[in-house]
Structures are given as structure tokens and as C-alpha cells.
Amino acid sequence: MGDLLEEFFHRPYIAAKVAEGKLPDTWRAIVGDRAAELTTQLRLENRILHVRIQSSVLRQELFYQREALKEQINRRAGIQLVNAVIIR
């Protein structure tokens, strides 16, 4: 039974949906608690992660780290979940 469940959760569509559901926790783990508190929106649309940040200073800092953020999210998800990160 365990092998069947593991196989089920490794199917690309299911794995993507599970990773998408964990996205807020993944974001918090990557950027930290304070930055996560200043994040007002995380929306994944067509493999593009749209992020809204309240702080202009934090927004600027994360803007320059978009590629690293994308790589960290995908590494933690275990799949290619995000192709680009847009910070606003």
C-alpha cells in the first residue's frame, strides 16, 4: 500500500499540486518569517510565481534574488514548479 501511495504522489500532476499547496510554507522557509509576514500575495499561474511584498526595501532585495528564489523553490519542491518569479 505504501508503494502505491508513493507512486501516486510522484506522478507529475499530483506532485505539482502538492508542491503548490506547500508553497506558502516553502516561501517562509526560504525568505524567513519577517519577509513572509510582509508578503501579501503568492500566486502561481502558468509556472510563474507572482509575489507581492509590502516593503519597498525588501521588494528590491528579493527582486535581485529572483533566480536564486526560483531555484530554491524548485529544489525544495523536487520538481520544476516555477519557471520565473515576478516580484511586485
N, C-alpha and C. Protein backbone atom coordinates (compact mmCIF):
# COMPACT_ATOMS: atom_id res chain seq x y z
N MET A 1 0.82 -1.19 0.00
CA MET A 1 0.00 0.00 0.00
C MET A 1 0.86 1.25 0.00
N GLY A 2 1.94 1.24 0.80
CA GLY A 2 2.84 2.38 0.87
C GLY A 2 3.49 2.69 -0.46
N ASP A 3 3.86 1.64 -1.19
CA ASP A 3 4.47 1.84 -2.51
C ASP A 3 3.49 2.45 -3.49
N LEU A 4 2.24 2.05 -3.40
CA LEU A 4 1.22 2.62 -4.29
C LEU A 4 1.02 4.10 -4.01
N LEU A 5 0.97 4.48 -2.74
CA LEU A 5 0.82 5.89 -2.39
C LEU A 5 2.03 6.70 -2.83
N GLU A 6 3.21 6.15 -2.64
CA GLU A 6 4.42 6.85 -3.05
C GLU A 6 4.42 7.06 -4.57
N GLU A 7 4.05 6.03 -5.30
CA GLU A 7 3.97 6.14 -6.76
C GLU A 7 2.92 7.19 -7.17
N PHE A 8 1.80 7.20 -6.48
CA PHE A 8 0.73 8.16 -6.77
C PHE A 8 1.23 9.60 -6.59
N PHE A 9 1.92 9.87 -5.47
CA PHE A 9 2.38 11.23 -5.18
C PHE A 9 3.57 11.65 -6.04
N HIS A 10 4.19 10.72 -6.74
CA HIS A 10 5.30 11.07 -7.62
C HIS A 10 4.84 11.31 -9.06
N ARG A 11 3.58 11.13 -9.33
CA ARG A 11 3.07 11.47 -10.66
C ARG A 11 3.20 12.98 -10.84
N PRO A 12 3.63 13.44 -12.02
CA PRO A 12 3.92 14.87 -12.21
C PRO A 12 2.78 15.81 -11.81
N TYR A 13 1.57 15.51 -12.21
CA TYR A 13 0.45 16.41 -11.90
C TYR A 13 0.20 16.46 -10.39
N ILE A 14 0.19 15.31 -9.75
CA ILE A 14 -0.07 15.24 -8.31
C ILE A 14 1.08 15.90 -7.55
N ALA A 15 2.32 15.62 -7.94
CA ALA A 15 3.47 16.22 -7.27
C ALA A 15 3.43 17.74 -7.39
N ALA A 16 3.02 18.25 -8.53
CA ALA A 16 2.92 19.71 -8.73
C ALA A 16 1.85 20.30 -7.84
N LYS A 17 0.71 19.64 -7.73
CA LYS A 17 -0.37 20.15 -6.89
C LYS A 17 0.01 20.13 -5.41
N VAL A 18 0.70 19.09 -4.98
CA VAL A 18 1.15 19.01 -3.59
C VAL A 18 2.16 20.12 -3.32
N ALA A 19 3.12 20.31 -4.23
CA ALA A 19 4.13 21.36 -4.06
C ALA A 19 3.48 22.74 -4.07
N GLU A 20 2.47 22.93 -4.90
CA GLU A 20 1.77 24.21 -4.94
C GLU A 20 1.05 24.47 -3.62
N GLY A 21 0.47 23.45 -3.05
CA GLY A 21 -0.20 23.59 -1.76
C GLY A 21 0.77 23.93 -0.63
N LYS A 22 2.00 23.48 -0.76
CA LYS A 22 3.02 23.76 0.26
C LYS A 22 3.77 25.06 -0.01
N LEU A 23 3.42 25.76 -1.07
CA LEU A 23 4.16 26.95 -1.48
C LEU A 23 4.28 28.01 -0.38
N PRO A 24 3.23 28.34 0.37
CA PRO A 24 3.40 29.33 1.45
C PRO A 24 4.44 28.89 2.49
N ASP A 25 4.45 27.64 2.86
CA ASP A 25 5.43 27.13 3.82
C ASP A 25 6.84 27.13 3.22
N THR A 26 6.93 26.77 1.95
CA THR A 26 8.22 26.77 1.26
C THR A 26 8.76 28.19 1.17
N TRP A 27 7.89 29.14 0.83
CA TRP A 27 8.29 30.55 0.74
C TRP A 27 8.83 31.02 2.10
N ARG A 28 8.11 30.72 3.16
CA ARG A 28 8.53 31.13 4.51
C ARG A 28 9.89 30.52 4.86
N ALA A 29 10.09 29.27 4.52
CA ALA A 29 11.35 28.59 4.82
C ALA A 29 12.52 29.23 4.05
N ILE A 30 12.27 29.71 2.86
CA ILE A 30 13.33 30.30 2.03
C ILE A 30 13.64 31.73 2.43
N VAL A 31 12.61 32.56 2.60
CA VAL A 31 12.84 34.00 2.83
C VAL A 31 12.85 34.38 4.30
N GLY A 32 12.36 33.53 5.17
CA GLY A 32 12.33 33.84 6.60
C GLY A 32 10.98 34.37 7.05
N ASP A 33 10.78 34.39 8.35
CA ASP A 33 9.49 34.76 8.92
C ASP A 33 9.11 36.21 8.64
N ARG A 34 10.04 37.14 8.82
CA ARG A 34 9.72 38.56 8.64
C ARG A 34 9.33 38.86 7.19
N ALA A 35 10.09 38.34 6.25
CA ALA A 35 9.78 38.57 4.83
C ALA A 35 8.45 37.90 4.47
N ALA A 36 8.18 36.74 5.03
CA ALA A 36 6.92 36.06 4.76
C ALA A 36 5.74 36.86 5.30
N GLU A 37 5.93 37.52 6.45
CA GLU A 37 4.87 38.36 7.00
C GLU A 37 4.59 39.57 6.12
N LEU A 38 5.60 40.06 5.42
CA LEU A 38 5.44 41.21 4.53
C LEU A 38 4.98 40.81 3.14
N THR A 39 4.84 39.52 2.91
CA THR A 39 4.33 39.01 1.63
C THR A 39 2.82 39.00 1.68
N THR A 40 2.19 39.75 0.79
CA THR A 40 0.73 39.83 0.80
C THR A 40 0.09 38.89 -0.21
N GLN A 41 0.86 38.42 -1.18
CA GLN A 41 0.27 37.52 -2.18
C GLN A 41 1.34 36.60 -2.75
N LEU A 42 1.00 35.33 -2.86
CA LEU A 42 1.78 34.32 -3.58
C LEU A 42 0.80 33.64 -4.53
N ARG A 43 1.00 33.83 -5.81
CA ARG A 43 0.08 33.24 -6.78
C ARG A 43 0.90 32.57 -7.89
N LEU A 44 0.64 31.30 -8.10
CA LEU A 44 1.31 30.55 -9.15
C LEU A 44 0.37 30.43 -10.33
N GLU A 45 0.81 30.96 -11.46
CA GLU A 45 -0.02 30.96 -12.67
C GLU A 45 0.86 30.61 -13.86
N ASN A 46 0.57 29.52 -14.51
CA ASN A 46 1.35 29.06 -15.67
C ASN A 46 2.84 28.96 -15.34
N ARG A 47 3.14 28.41 -14.18
CA ARG A 47 4.51 28.21 -13.70
C ARG A 47 5.26 29.51 -13.44
N ILE A 48 4.54 30.60 -13.32
CA ILE A 48 5.14 31.89 -12.96
C ILE A 48 4.61 32.25 -11.58
N LEU A 49 5.53 32.48 -10.66
CA LEU A 49 5.16 32.83 -9.29
C LEU A 49 5.09 34.34 -9.18
N HIS A 50 3.91 34.85 -8.87
CA HIS A 50 3.69 36.28 -8.67
C HIS A 50 3.69 36.53 -7.16
N VAL A 51 4.57 37.44 -6.73
CA VAL A 51 4.73 37.72 -5.32
C VAL A 51 4.53 39.21 -5.09
N ARG A 52 3.69 39.54 -4.12
CA ARG A 52 3.50 40.95 -3.72
C ARG A 52 4.11 41.13 -2.34
N ILE A 53 4.94 42.17 -2.23
CA ILE A 53 5.64 42.47 -1.00
C ILE A 53 5.27 43.88 -0.55
N GLN A 54 4.99 44.05 0.74
CA GLN A 54 4.61 45.37 1.26
C GLN A 54 5.79 46.33 1.36
N SER A 55 6.94 45.85 1.70
CA SER A 55 8.11 46.69 1.93
C SER A 55 8.88 46.92 0.63
N SER A 56 9.11 48.19 0.30
CA SER A 56 9.84 48.51 -0.93
C SER A 56 11.31 48.07 -0.83
N VAL A 57 11.89 48.14 0.36
CA VAL A 57 13.28 47.72 0.55
C VAL A 57 13.39 46.21 0.34
N LEU A 58 12.50 45.45 0.96
CA LEU A 58 12.50 44.00 0.79
C LEU A 58 12.18 43.62 -0.66
N ARG A 59 11.25 44.32 -1.25
CA ARG A 59 10.88 44.06 -2.64
C ARG A 59 12.11 44.20 -3.54
N GLN A 60 12.89 45.26 -3.33
CA GLN A 60 14.09 45.50 -4.12
C GLN A 60 15.11 44.37 -3.91
N GLU A 61 15.30 43.98 -2.66
CA GLU A 61 16.26 42.92 -2.35
C GLU A 61 15.85 41.59 -3.00
N LEU A 62 14.58 41.23 -2.88
CA LEU A 62 14.11 39.97 -3.46
C LEU A 62 14.09 40.02 -4.98
N PHE A 63 13.88 41.21 -5.54
CA PHE A 63 13.89 41.36 -7.00
C PHE A 63 15.23 40.89 -7.57
N TYR A 64 16.32 41.24 -6.91
CA TYR A 64 17.64 40.85 -7.39
C TYR A 64 17.97 39.38 -7.11
N GLN A 65 17.16 38.73 -6.32
CA GLN A 65 17.40 37.33 -5.98
C GLN A 65 16.38 36.39 -6.64
N ARG A 66 15.69 36.86 -7.66
CA ARG A 66 14.62 36.06 -8.28
C ARG A 66 15.10 34.70 -8.77
N GLU A 67 16.24 34.66 -9.44
CA GLU A 67 16.74 33.39 -9.97
C GLU A 67 17.06 32.40 -8.84
N ALA A 68 17.68 32.90 -7.80
CA ALA A 68 18.00 32.04 -6.65
C ALA A 68 16.72 31.56 -5.96
N LEU A 69 15.73 32.44 -5.85
CA LEU A 69 14.45 32.05 -5.26
C LEU A 69 13.80 30.94 -6.07
N LYS A 70 13.80 31.10 -7.39
CA LYS A 70 13.22 30.08 -8.27
C LYS A 70 13.91 28.73 -8.08
N GLU A 71 15.23 28.76 -8.04
CA GLU A 71 15.98 27.51 -7.87
C GLU A 71 15.70 26.86 -6.52
N GLN A 72 15.63 27.65 -5.47
CA GLN A 72 15.35 27.11 -4.13
C GLN A 72 13.94 26.50 -4.06
N ILE A 73 12.97 27.18 -4.64
CA ILE A 73 11.60 26.66 -4.64
C ILE A 73 11.55 25.33 -5.36
N ASN A 74 12.15 25.27 -6.54
CA ASN A 74 12.14 24.03 -7.32
C ASN A 74 12.90 22.91 -6.62
N ARG A 75 14.01 23.24 -5.98
CA ARG A 75 14.78 22.22 -5.27
C ARG A 75 13.97 21.65 -4.12
N ARG A 76 13.32 22.52 -3.36
CA ARG A 76 12.52 22.06 -2.22
C ARG A 76 11.28 21.29 -2.67
N ALA A 77 10.71 21.69 -3.82
CA ALA A 77 9.52 21.01 -4.34
C ALA A 77 9.88 19.66 -4.94
N GLY A 78 11.11 19.52 -5.41
CA GLY A 78 11.53 18.27 -6.03
C GLY A 78 11.08 18.14 -7.47
N ILE A 79 10.48 19.19 -8.00
CA ILE A 79 10.04 19.21 -9.39
C ILE A 79 10.25 20.62 -9.94
N GLN A 80 10.10 20.78 -11.25
CA GLN A 80 10.18 22.10 -11.87
C GLN A 80 8.82 22.78 -11.71
N LEU A 81 8.60 23.38 -10.56
CA LEU A 81 7.32 24.02 -10.23
C LEU A 81 7.24 25.43 -10.77
N VAL A 82 8.36 26.17 -10.71
CA VAL A 82 8.37 27.58 -11.07
C VAL A 82 9.40 27.83 -12.17
N ASN A 83 8.97 28.53 -13.23
CA ASN A 83 9.90 28.91 -14.30
C ASN A 83 10.41 30.33 -14.12
N ALA A 84 9.66 31.17 -13.41
CA ALA A 84 10.04 32.56 -13.20
C ALA A 84 9.36 33.08 -11.95
N VAL A 85 9.99 34.09 -11.34
CA VAL A 85 9.43 34.75 -10.16
C VAL A 85 9.28 36.23 -10.50
N ILE A 86 8.10 36.76 -10.31
CA ILE A 86 7.84 38.18 -10.52
C ILE A 86 7.55 38.80 -9.15
N ILE A 87 8.35 39.79 -8.79
CA ILE A 87 8.20 40.47 -7.50
C ILE A 87 7.57 41.84 -7.74
N ARG A 88 6.51 42.13 -7.02
CA ARG A 88 5.82 43.43 -7.14
C ARG A 88 5.58 44.01 -5.78
